N, C-alpha and C. Protein backbone atom coordinates (compact mmCIF):
# COMPACT_ATOMS: atom_id res chain seq x y z
N UNK A 1 13.47 95.31 11.58
CA UNK A 1 14.30 94.12 11.48
C UNK A 1 13.52 93.04 10.72
N UNK A 2 14.12 92.46 9.74
CA UNK A 2 13.50 91.36 9.03
C UNK A 2 13.82 90.06 9.76
N UNK A 3 12.76 89.32 10.04
CA UNK A 3 12.93 88.03 10.71
C UNK A 3 13.39 87.03 9.65
N UNK A 4 14.38 86.23 10.01
CA UNK A 4 14.98 85.28 9.07
C UNK A 4 14.74 83.84 9.53
N UNK A 5 15.02 82.92 8.66
CA UNK A 5 14.87 81.49 8.91
C UNK A 5 15.57 81.08 10.22
N UNK A 6 16.72 81.66 10.47
CA UNK A 6 17.51 81.31 11.65
C UNK A 6 16.81 81.71 12.95
N UNK A 7 15.85 82.62 12.89
CA UNK A 7 15.16 83.09 14.09
C UNK A 7 14.01 82.19 14.51
N UNK A 8 13.57 81.31 13.61
CA UNK A 8 12.41 80.47 13.90
C UNK A 8 12.78 79.36 14.88
N UNK A 9 11.78 78.95 15.66
CA UNK A 9 11.98 77.91 16.67
C UNK A 9 11.93 76.50 16.07
N UNK A 10 11.04 76.32 15.12
CA UNK A 10 10.84 75.00 14.52
C UNK A 10 11.80 74.82 13.36
N UNK A 11 12.46 73.68 13.33
CA UNK A 11 13.48 73.47 12.30
C UNK A 11 13.03 72.55 11.17
N UNK A 12 11.84 71.95 11.29
CA UNK A 12 11.45 70.98 10.26
C UNK A 12 10.39 71.50 9.29
N UNK A 13 10.42 72.79 8.99
CA UNK A 13 9.53 73.34 7.97
C UNK A 13 9.95 72.85 6.60
N UNK A 14 9.01 72.87 5.67
CA UNK A 14 9.34 72.66 4.26
C UNK A 14 9.81 74.01 3.73
N UNK A 15 10.85 74.02 2.94
CA UNK A 15 11.38 75.26 2.37
C UNK A 15 11.40 75.14 0.85
N UNK A 16 10.89 76.17 0.20
CA UNK A 16 10.83 76.17 -1.27
C UNK A 16 11.66 77.30 -1.85
N UNK A 17 12.41 77.98 -0.97
CA UNK A 17 13.27 79.08 -1.39
C UNK A 17 12.51 80.18 -2.11
N UNK A 18 11.24 80.39 -1.71
CA UNK A 18 10.48 81.51 -2.26
C UNK A 18 11.06 82.78 -1.68
N UNK A 19 11.28 83.75 -2.49
CA UNK A 19 11.80 85.03 -2.00
C UNK A 19 10.64 85.97 -1.74
N UNK A 20 9.84 85.64 -0.71
CA UNK A 20 8.64 86.41 -0.42
C UNK A 20 8.94 87.74 0.25
N UNK A 21 10.15 87.91 0.75
CA UNK A 21 10.48 89.19 1.39
C UNK A 21 10.39 90.32 0.39
N UNK A 22 10.55 90.02 -0.89
CA UNK A 22 10.44 91.06 -1.90
C UNK A 22 8.98 91.45 -2.12
N UNK A 23 8.05 90.65 -1.63
CA UNK A 23 6.63 90.93 -1.82
C UNK A 23 6.00 91.61 -0.61
N UNK A 24 6.77 92.00 0.38
CA UNK A 24 6.19 92.60 1.58
C UNK A 24 5.39 93.85 1.26
N UNK A 25 5.82 94.61 0.27
CA UNK A 25 5.10 95.83 -0.09
C UNK A 25 3.72 95.53 -0.67
N UNK A 26 3.52 94.32 -1.17
CA UNK A 26 2.21 93.93 -1.70
C UNK A 26 1.21 93.64 -0.60
N UNK A 27 1.67 93.39 0.60
CA UNK A 27 0.77 93.06 1.70
C UNK A 27 0.29 91.63 1.61
N UNK A 28 -0.70 91.31 2.44
CA UNK A 28 -1.27 89.97 2.47
C UNK A 28 -2.17 89.77 1.25
N UNK A 29 -2.22 88.56 0.76
CA UNK A 29 -3.05 88.24 -0.40
C UNK A 29 -4.02 87.12 -0.03
N UNK A 30 -4.82 86.74 -0.98
CA UNK A 30 -5.74 85.61 -0.77
C UNK A 30 -5.05 84.27 -1.06
N UNK A 31 -3.75 84.35 -1.27
CA UNK A 31 -2.97 83.13 -1.52
C UNK A 31 -3.08 82.20 -0.31
N UNK A 32 -3.10 80.90 -0.58
CA UNK A 32 -3.21 79.89 0.47
C UNK A 32 -2.03 79.98 1.44
N UNK A 33 -2.34 79.91 2.73
CA UNK A 33 -1.31 79.91 3.77
C UNK A 33 -1.09 78.48 4.23
N UNK A 34 0.17 78.06 4.28
CA UNK A 34 0.54 76.72 4.72
C UNK A 34 1.43 76.84 5.95
N UNK A 35 0.91 76.44 7.09
CA UNK A 35 1.65 76.56 8.35
C UNK A 35 2.88 75.66 8.43
N UNK A 36 3.02 74.73 7.49
CA UNK A 36 4.17 73.83 7.47
C UNK A 36 5.25 74.29 6.49
N UNK A 37 4.98 75.37 5.78
CA UNK A 37 5.91 75.94 4.82
C UNK A 37 6.64 77.10 5.49
N UNK A 38 7.93 76.94 5.70
CA UNK A 38 8.72 77.97 6.37
C UNK A 38 8.66 79.32 5.67
N UNK A 39 8.62 79.30 4.33
CA UNK A 39 8.54 80.55 3.58
C UNK A 39 7.25 81.29 3.91
N UNK A 40 6.13 80.55 3.99
CA UNK A 40 4.84 81.17 4.32
C UNK A 40 4.85 81.75 5.73
N UNK A 41 5.38 81.00 6.67
CA UNK A 41 5.42 81.46 8.06
C UNK A 41 6.28 82.72 8.18
N UNK A 42 7.46 82.70 7.57
CA UNK A 42 8.33 83.88 7.60
C UNK A 42 7.66 85.09 6.94
N UNK A 43 6.99 84.84 5.82
CA UNK A 43 6.32 85.93 5.11
C UNK A 43 5.26 86.58 5.99
N UNK A 44 4.44 85.78 6.65
CA UNK A 44 3.37 86.33 7.51
C UNK A 44 3.98 87.07 8.70
N UNK A 45 5.02 86.52 9.31
CA UNK A 45 5.65 87.20 10.45
C UNK A 45 6.21 88.54 10.00
N UNK A 46 6.87 88.58 8.86
CA UNK A 46 7.44 89.84 8.38
C UNK A 46 6.37 90.82 7.92
N UNK A 47 5.24 90.32 7.39
CA UNK A 47 4.11 91.20 7.07
C UNK A 47 3.56 91.83 8.34
N UNK A 48 3.40 91.02 9.36
CA UNK A 48 2.91 91.53 10.64
C UNK A 48 3.86 92.59 11.18
N UNK A 49 5.15 92.34 11.05
CA UNK A 49 6.18 93.29 11.47
C UNK A 49 6.02 94.63 10.74
N UNK A 50 5.78 94.57 9.43
CA UNK A 50 5.63 95.79 8.63
C UNK A 50 4.32 96.52 8.92
N UNK A 51 3.26 95.76 9.12
CA UNK A 51 1.92 96.36 9.23
C UNK A 51 1.57 96.83 10.64
N UNK A 52 2.06 96.16 11.63
CA UNK A 52 1.61 96.41 13.00
C UNK A 52 2.67 97.11 13.84
N UNK A 53 3.78 96.51 14.01
CA UNK A 53 4.82 96.99 14.92
C UNK A 53 6.15 96.43 14.50
N UNK A 54 7.19 96.95 15.06
CA UNK A 54 8.52 96.35 14.88
C UNK A 54 8.66 95.26 15.92
N UNK A 55 8.89 94.06 15.44
CA UNK A 55 8.95 92.91 16.33
C UNK A 55 10.35 92.62 16.82
N UNK A 56 10.43 92.09 18.03
CA UNK A 56 11.67 91.52 18.51
C UNK A 56 11.69 90.06 18.04
N UNK A 57 12.81 89.42 18.17
CA UNK A 57 12.89 88.01 17.81
C UNK A 57 11.97 87.19 18.70
N UNK A 58 11.90 87.51 19.97
CA UNK A 58 11.02 86.78 20.90
C UNK A 58 9.55 86.93 20.49
N UNK A 59 9.14 88.11 20.05
CA UNK A 59 7.76 88.31 19.61
C UNK A 59 7.49 87.54 18.31
N UNK A 60 8.46 87.52 17.42
CA UNK A 60 8.32 86.75 16.19
C UNK A 60 8.17 85.26 16.50
N UNK A 61 8.92 84.80 17.47
CA UNK A 61 8.82 83.40 17.87
C UNK A 61 7.48 83.11 18.53
N UNK A 62 6.93 84.09 19.25
CA UNK A 62 5.61 83.94 19.85
C UNK A 62 4.56 83.80 18.74
N UNK A 63 4.70 84.60 17.68
CA UNK A 63 3.79 84.50 16.53
C UNK A 63 3.90 83.12 15.91
N UNK A 64 5.12 82.65 15.73
CA UNK A 64 5.33 81.31 15.17
C UNK A 64 4.62 80.26 16.02
N UNK A 65 4.76 80.34 17.33
CA UNK A 65 4.11 79.38 18.23
C UNK A 65 2.59 79.47 18.14
N UNK A 66 2.06 80.69 18.09
CA UNK A 66 0.61 80.86 17.96
C UNK A 66 0.11 80.22 16.67
N UNK A 67 0.83 80.45 15.58
CA UNK A 67 0.44 79.87 14.29
C UNK A 67 0.42 78.35 14.38
N UNK A 68 1.44 77.78 14.98
CA UNK A 68 1.54 76.31 15.04
C UNK A 68 0.55 75.69 16.02
N UNK A 69 0.27 76.36 17.12
CA UNK A 69 -0.55 75.75 18.17
C UNK A 69 -2.00 76.19 18.19
N UNK A 70 -2.30 77.41 17.71
CA UNK A 70 -3.65 77.94 17.89
C UNK A 70 -4.37 78.36 16.62
N UNK A 71 -3.67 78.49 15.51
CA UNK A 71 -4.32 78.94 14.28
C UNK A 71 -5.39 77.93 13.87
N UNK A 72 -6.66 78.37 13.80
CA UNK A 72 -7.72 77.44 13.40
C UNK A 72 -7.49 76.91 11.99
N UNK A 73 -7.84 75.66 11.78
CA UNK A 73 -7.62 75.02 10.48
C UNK A 73 -8.43 75.66 9.37
N UNK A 74 -9.56 76.29 9.71
CA UNK A 74 -10.39 76.91 8.67
C UNK A 74 -9.81 78.22 8.13
N UNK A 75 -8.78 78.73 8.78
CA UNK A 75 -8.13 79.94 8.28
C UNK A 75 -7.15 79.52 7.20
N UNK A 76 -7.41 79.96 5.97
CA UNK A 76 -6.67 79.41 4.83
C UNK A 76 -5.84 80.43 4.05
N UNK A 77 -6.15 81.73 4.11
CA UNK A 77 -5.44 82.70 3.28
C UNK A 77 -4.51 83.58 4.12
N UNK A 78 -3.55 84.21 3.45
CA UNK A 78 -2.64 85.13 4.14
C UNK A 78 -3.43 86.25 4.82
N UNK A 79 -4.44 86.76 4.13
CA UNK A 79 -5.27 87.84 4.70
C UNK A 79 -5.92 87.38 6.00
N UNK A 80 -6.48 86.18 5.99
CA UNK A 80 -7.14 85.65 7.19
C UNK A 80 -6.16 85.44 8.33
N UNK A 81 -4.98 84.94 8.02
CA UNK A 81 -3.96 84.72 9.06
C UNK A 81 -3.54 86.06 9.66
N UNK A 82 -3.31 87.05 8.82
CA UNK A 82 -2.89 88.36 9.32
C UNK A 82 -3.98 88.98 10.20
N UNK A 83 -5.24 88.84 9.79
CA UNK A 83 -6.35 89.35 10.60
C UNK A 83 -6.41 88.63 11.94
N UNK A 84 -6.24 87.32 11.92
CA UNK A 84 -6.26 86.53 13.15
C UNK A 84 -5.12 86.97 14.07
N UNK A 85 -3.94 87.23 13.50
CA UNK A 85 -2.81 87.69 14.31
C UNK A 85 -3.09 89.06 14.93
N UNK A 86 -3.76 89.92 14.20
CA UNK A 86 -4.11 91.24 14.76
C UNK A 86 -4.98 91.08 16.00
N UNK A 87 -5.87 90.09 15.98
CA UNK A 87 -6.71 89.81 17.15
C UNK A 87 -5.90 89.24 18.31
N UNK A 88 -4.78 88.62 18.00
CA UNK A 88 -3.90 88.03 19.01
C UNK A 88 -2.84 89.03 19.51
N UNK A 89 -2.94 90.26 19.09
CA UNK A 89 -1.96 91.30 19.43
C UNK A 89 -1.59 91.30 20.92
N UNK A 90 -2.58 91.24 21.85
CA UNK A 90 -2.21 91.23 23.28
C UNK A 90 -1.32 90.07 23.67
N UNK A 91 -1.54 88.89 23.09
CA UNK A 91 -0.70 87.73 23.42
C UNK A 91 0.71 87.89 22.87
N UNK A 92 0.81 88.48 21.70
CA UNK A 92 2.12 88.66 21.07
C UNK A 92 2.96 89.64 21.87
N UNK A 93 2.32 90.69 22.34
CA UNK A 93 3.06 91.75 23.05
C UNK A 93 2.91 91.65 24.57
N UNK A 94 2.47 90.49 25.06
CA UNK A 94 2.35 90.23 26.50
C UNK A 94 1.50 91.29 27.21
N UNK A 95 0.35 91.60 26.64
CA UNK A 95 -0.51 92.62 27.22
C UNK A 95 -1.76 92.01 27.85
N UNK A 96 -1.80 90.69 27.97
CA UNK A 96 -2.97 90.03 28.51
C UNK A 96 -3.13 90.33 29.99
N UNK A 97 -4.38 90.55 30.40
CA UNK A 97 -4.67 90.75 31.82
C UNK A 97 -4.51 89.42 32.54
N UNK A 98 -4.02 89.47 33.74
CA UNK A 98 -3.80 88.24 34.50
C UNK A 98 -4.93 88.04 35.46
């Protein structure tokens, strides 16, 4: 399932109408990641969906929240964000030990 703009929790992203869904086959790049750009956030969520697992909308929204609340500022590229998300896999899929 491709996650769409309508699935995101935050409504005040900047949108540039980039059609990044066509670039999913290219994978993550060293291109700058902007957490305030809705196209960038959607692209990373859909890359994670393609590379790791098939996401539910709730899991995609969890990724969005992690990006907004926990992504370190020094993480600047799509590759770095995707790697960071892979480390957050337990939180995304609710596998954390209590």
